[in-house]
Amino acid sequence: MTALLAAGAAFLVDRDDGRQLRFPQQADVTPAEATTAFEEADDLRRSADIFTLFGVFLASALFRYGIAGVSRARKVRPGLTGVGFVINVGAVTALLGMSV
């Protein structure tokens, strides 16, 4: 019984539950600085989204090359290879022109 009371008392003690600021000096940021930091982070997110989109385009080109490589129909191979080439060139050109 004493052990149960001691265990229950442990929950009543006011402890640090991790809700305190780890770096209190960061709490002194002005709203203008916070807005600037948010806009910079938003620009980085936008760049990351575009970069991911180019990755999807390149994966699509590789998929088309793969299908063309295993296709038994001779008429399908040039078409898939051509489409893959166009997607690949467009994605690489846009990726190289992207400002980082």
N, C-alpha and C. Protein backbone atom coordinates (compact mmCIF):
# COMPACT_ATOMS: atom_id res chain seq x y z
N MET A 1 0.82 -1.20 0.00
CA MET A 1 0.00 0.00 0.00
C MET A 1 0.86 1.26 0.00
N THR A 2 1.93 1.21 0.75
CA THR A 2 2.83 2.35 0.81
C THR A 2 3.47 2.61 -0.55
N ALA A 3 3.77 1.52 -1.28
CA ALA A 3 4.38 1.66 -2.60
C ALA A 3 3.41 2.33 -3.57
N LEU A 4 2.12 1.99 -3.46
CA LEU A 4 1.12 2.62 -4.33
C LEU A 4 0.99 4.10 -4.04
N LEU A 5 1.03 4.48 -2.76
CA LEU A 5 0.95 5.90 -2.41
C LEU A 5 2.18 6.65 -2.90
N ALA A 6 3.35 6.02 -2.80
CA ALA A 6 4.58 6.67 -3.26
C ALA A 6 4.55 6.83 -4.78
N ALA A 7 4.03 5.82 -5.48
CA ALA A 7 3.94 5.92 -6.93
C ALA A 7 2.94 6.98 -7.34
N GLY A 8 1.82 7.08 -6.63
CA GLY A 8 0.82 8.11 -6.93
C GLY A 8 1.35 9.49 -6.63
N ALA A 9 2.16 9.63 -5.59
CA ALA A 9 2.73 10.93 -5.23
C ALA A 9 3.71 11.41 -6.30
N ALA A 10 4.32 10.46 -6.99
CA ALA A 10 5.28 10.85 -8.03
C ALA A 10 4.58 11.58 -9.17
N PHE A 11 3.31 11.27 -9.42
CA PHE A 11 2.57 11.95 -10.48
C PHE A 11 2.08 13.32 -10.06
N LEU A 12 2.03 13.58 -8.79
CA LEU A 12 1.56 14.86 -8.30
C LEU A 12 2.67 15.90 -8.23
N VAL A 13 3.90 15.47 -8.34
CA VAL A 13 5.03 16.39 -8.28
C VAL A 13 5.08 17.19 -9.59
N ASP A 14 5.26 18.49 -9.46
CA ASP A 14 5.34 19.35 -10.65
C ASP A 14 6.73 19.19 -11.26
N ARG A 15 6.79 18.58 -12.42
CA ARG A 15 8.07 18.34 -13.08
C ARG A 15 8.13 19.08 -14.41
N ASP A 16 9.34 19.21 -14.91
CA ASP A 16 9.54 19.82 -16.22
C ASP A 16 9.06 18.84 -17.29
N ASP A 17 8.03 19.21 -18.02
CA ASP A 17 7.48 18.31 -19.03
C ASP A 17 8.00 18.63 -20.44
N GLY A 18 9.08 19.37 -20.56
CA GLY A 18 9.69 19.64 -21.85
C GLY A 18 9.04 20.78 -22.62
N ARG A 19 8.22 21.54 -21.99
CA ARG A 19 7.55 22.64 -22.69
C ARG A 19 8.28 23.97 -22.56
N GLN A 20 9.43 23.95 -21.97
CA GLN A 20 10.20 25.17 -21.84
C GLN A 20 11.01 25.38 -23.11
N LEU A 21 11.35 26.62 -23.38
CA LEU A 21 12.18 26.93 -24.54
C LEU A 21 13.58 26.41 -24.30
N ARG A 22 14.12 25.71 -25.27
CA ARG A 22 15.48 25.22 -25.14
C ARG A 22 16.48 26.36 -25.35
N PHE A 23 16.13 27.28 -26.23
CA PHE A 23 17.00 28.41 -26.52
C PHE A 23 16.20 29.70 -26.29
N PRO A 24 16.17 30.20 -25.08
CA PRO A 24 15.34 31.39 -24.78
C PRO A 24 15.73 32.62 -25.59
N GLN A 25 16.98 32.70 -26.05
CA GLN A 25 17.39 33.87 -26.83
C GLN A 25 16.64 33.92 -28.15
N GLN A 26 16.12 32.81 -28.65
CA GLN A 26 15.37 32.82 -29.89
C GLN A 26 13.98 33.41 -29.71
N ALA A 27 13.53 33.53 -28.50
CA ALA A 27 12.21 34.10 -28.25
C ALA A 27 12.21 35.61 -28.41
N ASP A 28 13.38 36.20 -28.55
CA ASP A 28 13.49 37.65 -28.67
C ASP A 28 13.45 38.11 -30.13
N VAL A 29 12.92 37.31 -31.03
CA VAL A 29 12.85 37.65 -32.44
C VAL A 29 11.65 38.57 -32.67
N THR A 30 11.88 39.63 -33.44
CA THR A 30 10.79 40.56 -33.74
C THR A 30 9.88 39.95 -34.80
N PRO A 31 8.65 40.42 -34.89
CA PRO A 31 7.76 39.90 -35.94
C PRO A 31 8.30 40.11 -37.35
N ALA A 32 9.01 41.19 -37.59
CA ALA A 32 9.59 41.43 -38.92
C ALA A 32 10.66 40.39 -39.24
N GLU A 33 11.50 40.05 -38.25
CA GLU A 33 12.52 39.02 -38.45
C GLU A 33 11.88 37.65 -38.66
N ALA A 34 10.81 37.39 -37.93
CA ALA A 34 10.11 36.11 -38.10
C ALA A 34 9.48 36.02 -39.48
N THR A 35 8.92 37.12 -39.96
CA THR A 35 8.32 37.13 -41.30
C THR A 35 9.39 36.92 -42.37
N THR A 36 10.53 37.56 -42.20
CA THR A 36 11.63 37.39 -43.15
C THR A 36 12.12 35.95 -43.17
N ALA A 37 12.28 35.36 -41.99
CA ALA A 37 12.73 33.96 -41.90
C ALA A 37 11.71 33.02 -42.53
N PHE A 38 10.42 33.31 -42.32
CA PHE A 38 9.38 32.48 -42.91
C PHE A 38 9.39 32.57 -44.42
N GLU A 39 9.58 33.78 -44.97
CA GLU A 39 9.63 33.96 -46.42
C GLU A 39 10.83 33.25 -47.03
N GLU A 40 11.98 33.30 -46.34
CA GLU A 40 13.16 32.58 -46.83
C GLU A 40 12.92 31.08 -46.83
N ALA A 41 12.31 30.58 -45.77
CA ALA A 41 12.00 29.15 -45.70
C ALA A 41 10.98 28.75 -46.76
N ASP A 42 10.04 29.63 -47.03
CA ASP A 42 9.04 29.35 -48.06
C ASP A 42 9.68 29.29 -49.45
N ASP A 43 10.65 30.17 -49.71
CA ASP A 43 11.38 30.13 -50.98
C ASP A 43 12.17 28.83 -51.12
N LEU A 44 12.80 28.40 -50.03
CA LEU A 44 13.54 27.14 -50.05
C LEU A 44 12.61 25.96 -50.29
N ARG A 45 11.43 26.00 -49.69
CA ARG A 45 10.45 24.93 -49.89
C ARG A 45 10.01 24.88 -51.34
N ARG A 46 9.78 26.05 -51.92
CA ARG A 46 9.38 26.12 -53.32
C ARG A 46 10.46 25.54 -54.23
N SER A 47 11.72 25.87 -53.95
CA SER A 47 12.82 25.31 -54.73
C SER A 47 12.90 23.80 -54.57
N ALA A 48 12.68 23.31 -53.37
CA ALA A 48 12.70 21.87 -53.14
C ALA A 48 11.57 21.18 -53.87
N ASP A 49 10.40 21.80 -53.92
CA ASP A 49 9.28 21.22 -54.67
C ASP A 49 9.59 21.13 -56.16
N ILE A 50 10.20 22.18 -56.70
CA ILE A 50 10.55 22.17 -58.13
C ILE A 50 11.61 21.10 -58.39
N PHE A 51 12.59 21.01 -57.51
CA PHE A 51 13.64 20.00 -57.65
C PHE A 51 13.03 18.58 -57.62
N THR A 52 12.08 18.35 -56.74
CA THR A 52 11.41 17.05 -56.68
C THR A 52 10.63 16.78 -57.96
N LEU A 53 9.99 17.80 -58.50
CA LEU A 53 9.26 17.65 -59.76
C LEU A 53 10.18 17.24 -60.89
N PHE A 54 11.37 17.84 -60.95
CA PHE A 54 12.33 17.45 -61.98
C PHE A 54 12.77 16.00 -61.78
N GLY A 55 12.92 15.59 -60.54
CA GLY A 55 13.25 14.20 -60.25
C GLY A 55 12.18 13.24 -60.75
N VAL A 56 10.93 13.65 -60.62
CA VAL A 56 9.82 12.82 -61.13
C VAL A 56 9.87 12.76 -62.65
N PHE A 57 10.17 13.88 -63.29
CA PHE A 57 10.29 13.88 -64.75
C PHE A 57 11.42 12.95 -65.21
N LEU A 58 12.57 13.01 -64.53
CA LEU A 58 13.68 12.15 -64.90
C LEU A 58 13.33 10.68 -64.67
N ALA A 59 12.63 10.39 -63.59
CA ALA A 59 12.20 9.01 -63.34
C ALA A 59 11.23 8.55 -64.42
N SER A 60 10.37 9.45 -64.87
CA SER A 60 9.44 9.12 -65.95
C SER A 60 10.19 8.81 -67.24
N ALA A 61 11.24 9.58 -67.53
CA ALA A 61 12.04 9.32 -68.73
C ALA A 61 12.73 7.97 -68.62
N LEU A 62 13.28 7.67 -67.45
CA LEU A 62 13.93 6.36 -67.27
C LEU A 62 12.93 5.22 -67.38
N PHE A 63 11.72 5.44 -66.90
CA PHE A 63 10.68 4.43 -67.03
C PHE A 63 10.38 4.16 -68.50
N ARG A 64 10.27 5.21 -69.28
CA ARG A 64 9.99 5.04 -70.71
C ARG A 64 11.15 4.35 -71.42
N TYR A 65 12.39 4.69 -71.04
CA TYR A 65 13.55 3.99 -71.61
C TYR A 65 13.50 2.51 -71.25
N GLY A 66 13.13 2.20 -70.03
CA GLY A 66 13.05 0.80 -69.61
C GLY A 66 12.00 0.03 -70.36
N ILE A 67 10.83 0.66 -70.54
CA ILE A 67 9.76 0.00 -71.30
C ILE A 67 10.20 -0.20 -72.75
N ALA A 68 10.87 0.79 -73.32
CA ALA A 68 11.35 0.66 -74.69
C ALA A 68 12.39 -0.46 -74.80
N GLY A 69 13.18 -0.64 -73.76
CA GLY A 69 14.22 -1.66 -73.80
C GLY A 69 13.68 -3.08 -73.73
N VAL A 70 12.56 -3.29 -73.06
CA VAL A 70 12.02 -4.64 -72.92
C VAL A 70 10.85 -4.90 -73.86
N SER A 71 10.44 -3.90 -74.60
CA SER A 71 9.30 -4.06 -75.49
C SER A 71 9.68 -4.94 -76.68
N ARG A 72 8.78 -5.82 -77.04
CA ARG A 72 9.02 -6.69 -78.20
C ARG A 72 8.50 -6.08 -79.50
N ALA A 73 7.63 -5.10 -79.38
CA ALA A 73 7.08 -4.46 -80.58
C ALA A 73 8.08 -3.44 -81.11
N ARG A 74 8.51 -3.62 -82.32
CA ARG A 74 9.51 -2.73 -82.89
C ARG A 74 8.97 -1.32 -83.12
N LYS A 75 7.68 -1.18 -83.32
CA LYS A 75 7.11 0.14 -83.56
C LYS A 75 7.03 0.97 -82.29
N VAL A 76 7.03 0.31 -81.15
CA VAL A 76 6.89 1.01 -79.87
C VAL A 76 8.23 1.58 -79.40
N ARG A 77 9.30 0.89 -79.69
CA ARG A 77 10.62 1.30 -79.19
C ARG A 77 11.03 2.72 -79.59
N PRO A 78 10.97 3.08 -80.86
CA PRO A 78 11.40 4.45 -81.20
C PRO A 78 10.52 5.53 -80.57
N GLY A 79 9.23 5.26 -80.50
CA GLY A 79 8.33 6.25 -79.91
C GLY A 79 8.62 6.48 -78.43
N LEU A 80 8.77 5.39 -77.66
CA LEU A 80 9.06 5.53 -76.24
C LEU A 80 10.45 6.11 -76.00
N THR A 81 11.39 5.71 -76.83
CA THR A 81 12.74 6.27 -76.69
C THR A 81 12.73 7.77 -77.00
N GLY A 82 12.00 8.17 -78.03
CA GLY A 82 11.92 9.59 -78.38
C GLY A 82 11.24 10.41 -77.29
N VAL A 83 10.13 9.89 -76.77
CA VAL A 83 9.43 10.61 -75.69
C VAL A 83 10.31 10.69 -74.45
N GLY A 84 10.98 9.60 -74.13
CA GLY A 84 11.89 9.61 -72.98
C GLY A 84 13.02 10.60 -73.17
N PHE A 85 13.54 10.67 -74.39
CA PHE A 85 14.63 11.61 -74.68
C PHE A 85 14.16 13.05 -74.52
N VAL A 86 12.99 13.36 -75.03
CA VAL A 86 12.46 14.73 -74.92
C VAL A 86 12.23 15.11 -73.46
N ILE A 87 11.65 14.18 -72.69
CA ILE A 87 11.43 14.46 -71.26
C ILE A 87 12.76 14.65 -70.55
N ASN A 88 13.73 13.78 -70.86
CA ASN A 88 15.03 13.86 -70.23
C ASN A 88 15.73 15.18 -70.54
N VAL A 89 15.76 15.56 -71.80
CA VAL A 89 16.42 16.82 -72.18
C VAL A 89 15.71 18.01 -71.54
N GLY A 90 14.39 18.01 -71.55
CA GLY A 90 13.66 19.12 -70.94
C GLY A 90 13.90 19.22 -69.45
N ALA A 91 13.89 18.08 -68.75
CA ALA A 91 14.10 18.10 -67.30
C ALA A 91 15.53 18.52 -66.94
N VAL A 92 16.51 17.99 -67.66
CA VAL A 92 17.90 18.36 -67.36
C VAL A 92 18.15 19.82 -67.67
N THR A 93 17.61 20.32 -68.76
CA THR A 93 17.78 21.73 -69.11
C THR A 93 17.15 22.64 -68.06
N ALA A 94 15.96 22.28 -67.63
CA ALA A 94 15.29 23.09 -66.60
C ALA A 94 16.02 22.99 -65.26
N LEU A 95 16.54 21.81 -64.96
CA LEU A 95 17.27 21.61 -63.71
C LEU A 95 18.55 22.42 -63.69
N LEU A 96 19.27 22.45 -64.81
CA LEU A 96 20.50 23.22 -64.88
C LEU A 96 20.22 24.72 -64.85
N GLY A 97 19.06 25.13 -65.33
CA GLY A 97 18.71 26.55 -65.32
C GLY A 97 18.10 27.02 -64.02
N MET A 98 17.85 26.08 -63.11
CA MET A 98 17.24 26.43 -61.82
C MET A 98 18.25 27.14 -60.94
N SER A 99 17.86 28.24 -60.34
CA SER A 99 18.75 28.97 -59.44
C SER A 99 18.67 28.33 -58.06
N VAL A 100 19.82 28.00 -57.54
CA VAL A 100 19.88 27.34 -56.23
C VAL A 100 20.19 28.34 -55.17
